[in-house]
Amino acid sequence: RLVVGQSYADALQARELEPVSVTEVMSNQG
């Protein structure tokens, strides 16, 4: 109910809370 709601998606996107690859995370902020 929350995760697929439009306002939830917008809130995540506004705060750049989007998935990136694990290798990218570990190489930049391991």
All heavy atoms as atom14 arrays in JSON, in Angstrom:
{
  "sequence": "RLVVGQSYADALQARELEPVSVTEVMSNQG",
  "atom14_mask": [
    [1, 1, 1, 1, 1, 1, 1, 1, 1, 1, 1, 0, 0, 0],
    [1, 1, 1, 1, 1, 1, 1, 1, 0, 0, 0, 0, 0, 0],
    [1, 1, 1, 1, 1, 1, 1, 0, 0, 0, 0, 0, 0, 0],
    [1, 1, 1, 1, 1, 1, 1, 0, 0, 0, 0, 0, 0, 0],
    [1, 1, 1, 1, 0, 0, 0, 0, 0, 0, 0, 0, 0, 0],
    [1, 1, 1, 1, 1, 1, 1, 1, 1, 0, 0, 0, 0, 0],
    [1, 1, 1, 1, 1, 1, 0, 0, 0, 0, 0, 0, 0, 0],
    [1, 1, 1, 1, 1, 1, 1, 1, 1, 1, 1, 1, 0, 0],
    [1, 1, 1, 1, 1, 0, 0, 0, 0, 0, 0, 0, 0, 0],
    [1, 1, 1, 1, 1, 1, 1, 1, 0, 0, 0, 0, 0, 0],
    [1, 1, 1, 1, 1, 0, 0, 0, 0, 0, 0, 0, 0, 0],
    [1, 1, 1, 1, 1, 1, 1, 1, 0, 0, 0, 0, 0, 0],
    [1, 1, 1, 1, 1, 1, 1, 1, 1, 0, 0, 0, 0, 0],
    [1, 1, 1, 1, 1, 0, 0, 0, 0, 0, 0, 0, 0, 0],
    [1, 1, 1, 1, 1, 1, 1, 1, 1, 1, 1, 0, 0, 0],
    [1, 1, 1, 1, 1, 1, 1, 1, 1, 0, 0, 0, 0, 0],
    [1, 1, 1, 1, 1, 1, 1, 1, 0, 0, 0, 0, 0, 0],
    [1, 1, 1, 1, 1, 1, 1, 1, 1, 0, 0, 0, 0, 0],
    [1, 1, 1, 1, 1, 1, 1, 0, 0, 0, 0, 0, 0, 0],
    [1, 1, 1, 1, 1, 1, 1, 0, 0, 0, 0, 0, 0, 0],
    [1, 1, 1, 1, 1, 1, 0, 0, 0, 0, 0, 0, 0, 0],
    [1, 1, 1, 1, 1, 1, 1, 0, 0, 0, 0, 0, 0, 0],
    [1, 1, 1, 1, 1, 1, 1, 0, 0, 0, 0, 0, 0, 0],
    [1, 1, 1, 1, 1, 1, 1, 1, 1, 0, 0, 0, 0, 0],
    [1, 1, 1, 1, 1, 1, 1, 0, 0, 0, 0, 0, 0, 0],
    [1, 1, 1, 1, 1, 1, 1, 1, 0, 0, 0, 0, 0, 0],
    [1, 1, 1, 1, 1, 1, 0, 0, 0, 0, 0, 0, 0, 0],
    [1, 1, 1, 1, 1, 1, 1, 1, 0, 0, 0, 0, 0, 0],
    [1, 1, 1, 1, 1, 1, 1, 1, 1, 0, 0, 0, 0, 0],
    [1, 1, 1, 1, 0, 0, 0, 0, 0, 0, 0, 0, 0, 0]
  ],
  "atom14_positions": [
    [[0.83, -1.2, 0.0], [0.0, 0.0, 0.0], [0.87, 1.25, 0.0], [0.52, 2.27, -0.63], [-0.91, -0.02, 1.23], [-1.76, 1.25, 1.35], [-2.59, 1.21, 2.62], [-3.28, 2.5, 2.81], [-2.75, 3.54, 3.43], [-1.52, 3.46, 3.92], [-3.43, 4.66, 3.55], [0.0, 0.0, 0.0], [0.0, 0.0, 0.0], [0.0, 0.0, 0.0]],
    [[1.99, 1.2, 0.7], [2.91, 2.33, 0.71], [3.86, 2.32, -0.48], [4.06, 3.33, -1.15], [3.72, 2.32, 2.01], [3.01, 2.73, 3.3], [3.94, 2.51, 4.47], [2.58, 4.18, 3.23], [0.0, 0.0, 0.0], [0.0, 0.0, 0.0], [0.0, 0.0, 0.0], [0.0, 0.0, 0.0], [0.0, 0.0, 0.0], [0.0, 0.0, 0.0]],
    [[4.44, 1.15, -0.71], [5.55, 1.07, -1.66], [5.15, 1.4, -3.08], [5.92, 2.0, -3.83], [6.2, -0.33, -1.59], [7.19, -0.55, -2.72], [6.9, -0.5, -0.24], [0.0, 0.0, 0.0], [0.0, 0.0, 0.0], [0.0, 0.0, 0.0], [0.0, 0.0, 0.0], [0.0, 0.0, 0.0], [0.0, 0.0, 0.0], [0.0, 0.0, 0.0]],
    [[3.93, 1.01, -3.5], [3.54, 1.28, -4.88], [2.71, 2.55, -5.0], [2.23, 2.87, -6.07], [2.77, 0.08, -5.49], [3.59, -1.18, -5.43], [1.43, -0.13, -4.78], [0.0, 0.0, 0.0], [0.0, 0.0, 0.0], [0.0, 0.0, 0.0], [0.0, 0.0, 0.0], [0.0, 0.0, 0.0], [0.0, 0.0, 0.0], [0.0, 0.0, 0.0]],
    [[2.54, 3.26, -3.89], [1.83, 4.53, -3.95], [2.66, 5.6, -4.64], [3.87, 5.66, -4.49], [0.0, 0.0, 0.0], [0.0, 0.0, 0.0], [0.0, 0.0, 0.0], [0.0, 0.0, 0.0], [0.0, 0.0, 0.0], [0.0, 0.0, 0.0], [0.0, 0.0, 0.0], [0.0, 0.0, 0.0], [0.0, 0.0, 0.0], [0.0, 0.0, 0.0]],
    [[2.0, 6.52, -5.36], [2.72, 7.54, -6.12], [3.48, 8.49, -5.21], [4.62, 8.86, -5.49], [1.74, 8.34, -6.97], [2.4, 9.39, -7.86], [3.31, 8.77, -8.9], [2.88, 7.91, -9.65], [4.56, 9.2, -8.95], [0.0, 0.0, 0.0], [0.0, 0.0, 0.0], [0.0, 0.0, 0.0], [0.0, 0.0, 0.0], [0.0, 0.0, 0.0]],
    [[2.87, 8.91, -4.09], [3.54, 9.86, -3.22], [4.77, 9.24, -2.57], [5.77, 9.91, -2.33], [2.58, 10.37, -2.13], [2.06, 9.3, -1.37], [0.0, 0.0, 0.0], [0.0, 0.0, 0.0], [0.0, 0.0, 0.0], [0.0, 0.0, 0.0], [0.0, 0.0, 0.0], [0.0, 0.0, 0.0], [0.0, 0.0, 0.0], [0.0, 0.0, 0.0]],
    [[4.71, 7.93, -2.28], [5.88, 7.24, -1.74], [7.01, 7.21, -2.78], [8.17, 7.5, -2.48], [5.51, 5.81, -1.34], [6.67, 4.98, -0.86], [7.1, 5.05, 0.46], [7.33, 4.12, -1.73], [8.16, 4.29, 0.9], [8.4, 3.37, -1.3], [8.81, 3.44, 0.03], [9.87, 2.69, 0.44], [0.0, 0.0, 0.0], [0.0, 0.0, 0.0]],
    [[6.65, 6.87, -4.02], [7.66, 6.84, -5.08], [8.28, 8.22, -5.3], [9.49, 8.35, -5.49], [7.02, 6.34, -6.39], [0.0, 0.0, 0.0], [0.0, 0.0, 0.0], [0.0, 0.0, 0.0], [0.0, 0.0, 0.0], [0.0, 0.0, 0.0], [0.0, 0.0, 0.0], [0.0, 0.0, 0.0], [0.0, 0.0, 0.0], [0.0, 0.0, 0.0]],
    [[7.44, 9.25, -5.25], [7.94, 10.61, -5.42], [8.88, 11.01, -4.28], [9.91, 11.66, -4.49], [6.78, 11.61, -5.49], [5.98, 11.47, -6.78], [6.47, 10.79, -7.7], [4.88, 12.04, -6.85], [0.0, 0.0, 0.0], [0.0, 0.0, 0.0], [0.0, 0.0, 0.0], [0.0, 0.0, 0.0], [0.0, 0.0, 0.0], [0.0, 0.0, 0.0]],
    [[8.52, 10.61, -3.05], [9.35, 10.95, -1.89], [10.72, 10.29, -1.99], [11.74, 10.9, -1.69], [8.64, 10.54, -0.6], [0.0, 0.0, 0.0], [0.0, 0.0, 0.0], [0.0, 0.0, 0.0], [0.0, 0.0, 0.0], [0.0, 0.0, 0.0], [0.0, 0.0, 0.0], [0.0, 0.0, 0.0], [0.0, 0.0, 0.0], [0.0, 0.0, 0.0]],
    [[10.73, 9.03, -2.4], [12.01, 8.35, -2.57], [12.85, 9.01, -3.65], [14.05, 9.21, -3.49], [11.77, 6.88, -2.93], [11.31, 5.93, -1.81], [11.09, 4.53, -2.36], [12.32, 5.89, -0.68], [0.0, 0.0, 0.0], [0.0, 0.0, 0.0], [0.0, 0.0, 0.0], [0.0, 0.0, 0.0], [0.0, 0.0, 0.0], [0.0, 0.0, 0.0]],
    [[12.2, 9.34, -4.76], [12.94, 9.93, -5.86], [13.47, 11.31, -5.5], [14.59, 11.69, -5.85], [12.06, 10.01, -7.11], [12.82, 10.43, -8.36], [11.98, 10.29, -9.61], [10.76, 10.32, -9.55], [12.63, 10.12, -10.75], [0.0, 0.0, 0.0], [0.0, 0.0, 0.0], [0.0, 0.0, 0.0], [0.0, 0.0, 0.0], [0.0, 0.0, 0.0]],
    [[12.67, 12.08, -4.77], [13.1, 13.42, -4.38], [14.33, 13.37, -3.49], [15.15, 14.28, -3.51], [11.95, 14.14, -3.66], [0.0, 0.0, 0.0], [0.0, 0.0, 0.0], [0.0, 0.0, 0.0], [0.0, 0.0, 0.0], [0.0, 0.0, 0.0], [0.0, 0.0, 0.0], [0.0, 0.0, 0.0], [0.0, 0.0, 0.0], [0.0, 0.0, 0.0]],
    [[14.47, 12.31, -2.71], [15.63, 12.17, -1.83], [16.69, 11.25, -2.41], [17.6, 10.81, -1.71], [15.16, 11.66, -0.46], [14.36, 12.71, 0.29], [13.55, 12.12, 1.41], [12.87, 13.18, 2.17], [11.77, 13.79, 1.77], [11.21, 13.46, 0.61], [11.22, 14.75, 2.49], [0.0, 0.0, 0.0], [0.0, 0.0, 0.0], [0.0, 0.0, 0.0]],
    [[16.55, 10.92, -3.69], [17.51, 10.09, -4.41], [17.68, 8.72, -3.75], [18.76, 8.13, -3.8], [18.88, 10.78, -4.51], [18.85, 12.1, -5.25], [20.23, 12.72, -5.37], [21.12, 12.08, -5.98], [20.43, 13.81, -4.84], [0.0, 0.0, 0.0], [0.0, 0.0, 0.0], [0.0, 0.0, 0.0], [0.0, 0.0, 0.0], [0.0, 0.0, 0.0]],
    [[16.61, 8.21, -3.12], [16.66, 6.9, -2.49], [16.28, 5.84, -3.53], [15.2, 5.26, -3.5], [15.71, 6.85, -1.29], [16.13, 7.7, -0.09], [15.07, 7.68, 0.99], [17.47, 7.24, 0.47], [0.0, 0.0, 0.0], [0.0, 0.0, 0.0], [0.0, 0.0, 0.0], [0.0, 0.0, 0.0], [0.0, 0.0, 0.0], [0.0, 0.0, 0.0]],
    [[17.19, 5.63, -4.45], [16.99, 4.68, -5.52], [18.11, 3.65, -5.49], [19.23, 3.94, -5.06], [16.96, 5.39, -6.87], [15.81, 6.38, -7.04], [14.45, 5.71, -7.05], [14.39, 4.49, -7.37], [13.45, 6.37, -6.73], [0.0, 0.0, 0.0], [0.0, 0.0, 0.0], [0.0, 0.0, 0.0], [0.0, 0.0, 0.0], [0.0, 0.0, 0.0]],
    [[17.85, 2.43, -5.97], [18.86, 1.37, -5.91], [19.99, 1.61, -6.9], [19.78, 2.09, -8.01], [18.07, 0.11, -6.27], [16.94, 0.61, -7.13], [16.58, 1.95, -6.55], [0.0, 0.0, 0.0], [0.0, 0.0, 0.0], [0.0, 0.0, 0.0], [0.0, 0.0, 0.0], [0.0, 0.0, 0.0], [0.0, 0.0, 0.0], [0.0, 0.0, 0.0]],
    [[21.19, 1.27, -6.45], [22.36, 1.24, -7.33], [23.03, -0.11, -7.12], [22.7, -0.85, -6.19], [23.34, 2.39, -7.02], [22.68, 3.73, -7.26], [23.83, 2.31, -5.57], [0.0, 0.0, 0.0], [0.0, 0.0, 0.0], [0.0, 0.0, 0.0], [0.0, 0.0, 0.0], [0.0, 0.0, 0.0], [0.0, 0.0, 0.0], [0.0, 0.0, 0.0]],
    [[23.96, -0.45, -7.98], [24.61, -1.76, -7.87], [25.45, -1.84, -6.61], [26.0, -0.84, -6.13], [25.48, -2.02, -9.1], [26.6, -1.15, -9.1], [0.0, 0.0, 0.0], [0.0, 0.0, 0.0], [0.0, 0.0, 0.0], [0.0, 0.0, 0.0], [0.0, 0.0, 0.0], [0.0, 0.0, 0.0], [0.0, 0.0, 0.0], [0.0, 0.0, 0.0]],
    [[25.57, -3.06, -6.08], [26.35, -3.28, -4.87], [27.82, -2.94, -5.1], [28.48, -2.35, -4.23], [26.19, -4.73, -4.4], [27.18, -5.06, -3.27], [24.76, -4.99, -3.95], [0.0, 0.0, 0.0], [0.0, 0.0, 0.0], [0.0, 0.0, 0.0], [0.0, 0.0, 0.0], [0.0, 0.0, 0.0], [0.0, 0.0, 0.0], [0.0, 0.0, 0.0]],
    [[28.34, -3.29, -6.26], [29.74, -3.0, -6.55], [30.0, -1.5, -6.57], [31.06, -1.03, -6.12], [30.15, -3.61, -7.9], [29.25, -3.16, -8.92], [30.1, -5.13, -7.83], [0.0, 0.0, 0.0], [0.0, 0.0, 0.0], [0.0, 0.0, 0.0], [0.0, 0.0, 0.0], [0.0, 0.0, 0.0], [0.0, 0.0, 0.0], [0.0, 0.0, 0.0]],
    [[29.04, -0.73, -7.07], [29.2, 0.72, -7.1], [29.23, 1.29, -5.69], [30.02, 2.19, -5.38], [28.07, 1.35, -7.91], [28.22, 2.86, -8.1], [27.09, 3.46, -8.91], [26.22, 2.7, -9.39], [27.07, 4.7, -9.05], [0.0, 0.0, 0.0], [0.0, 0.0, 0.0], [0.0, 0.0, 0.0], [0.0, 0.0, 0.0], [0.0, 0.0, 0.0]],
    [[28.36, 0.79, -4.83], [28.33, 1.26, -3.45], [29.63, 0.94, -2.74], [30.23, 1.79, -2.08], [27.15, 0.64, -2.67], [27.21, 1.02, -1.2], [25.82, 1.11, -3.25], [0.0, 0.0, 0.0], [0.0, 0.0, 0.0], [0.0, 0.0, 0.0], [0.0, 0.0, 0.0], [0.0, 0.0, 0.0], [0.0, 0.0, 0.0], [0.0, 0.0, 0.0]],
    [[30.09, -0.3, -2.86], [31.28, -0.72, -2.14], [32.53, 0.0, -2.66], [33.44, 0.3, -1.89], [31.47, -2.23, -2.25], [30.37, -3.05, -1.56], [30.13, -2.61, 0.19], [31.72, -3.08, 0.87], [0.0, 0.0, 0.0], [0.0, 0.0, 0.0], [0.0, 0.0, 0.0], [0.0, 0.0, 0.0], [0.0, 0.0, 0.0], [0.0, 0.0, 0.0]],
    [[32.58, 0.3, -3.94], [33.75, 0.98, -4.48], [33.79, 2.45, -4.1], [34.86, 3.05, -3.98], [33.79, 0.84, -6.01], [32.65, 1.45, -6.6], [0.0, 0.0, 0.0], [0.0, 0.0, 0.0], [0.0, 0.0, 0.0], [0.0, 0.0, 0.0], [0.0, 0.0, 0.0], [0.0, 0.0, 0.0], [0.0, 0.0, 0.0], [0.0, 0.0, 0.0]],
    [[32.62, 3.05, -3.88], [32.57, 4.47, -3.57], [32.43, 4.75, -2.07], [33.02, 5.71, -1.56], [31.39, 5.13, -4.3], [31.65, 5.3, -5.78], [32.25, 6.28, -6.21], [31.19, 4.34, -6.58], [0.0, 0.0, 0.0], [0.0, 0.0, 0.0], [0.0, 0.0, 0.0], [0.0, 0.0, 0.0], [0.0, 0.0, 0.0], [0.0, 0.0, 0.0]],
    [[31.65, 3.92, -1.37], [31.42, 4.17, 0.05], [31.48, 2.9, 0.88], [30.72, 2.71, 1.83], [30.08, 4.89, 0.25], [30.06, 6.31, -0.33], [29.02, 7.19, 0.31], [27.84, 7.12, -0.04], [29.43, 8.03, 1.24], [0.0, 0.0, 0.0], [0.0, 0.0, 0.0], [0.0, 0.0, 0.0], [0.0, 0.0, 0.0], [0.0, 0.0, 0.0]],
    [[32.43, 2.05, 0.53], [32.59, 0.8, 1.27], [32.93, 1.02, 2.73], [32.48, 0.26, 3.6], [0.0, 0.0, 0.0], [0.0, 0.0, 0.0], [0.0, 0.0, 0.0], [0.0, 0.0, 0.0], [0.0, 0.0, 0.0], [0.0, 0.0, 0.0], [0.0, 0.0, 0.0], [0.0, 0.0, 0.0], [0.0, 0.0, 0.0], [0.0, 0.0, 0.0]]
  ]
}
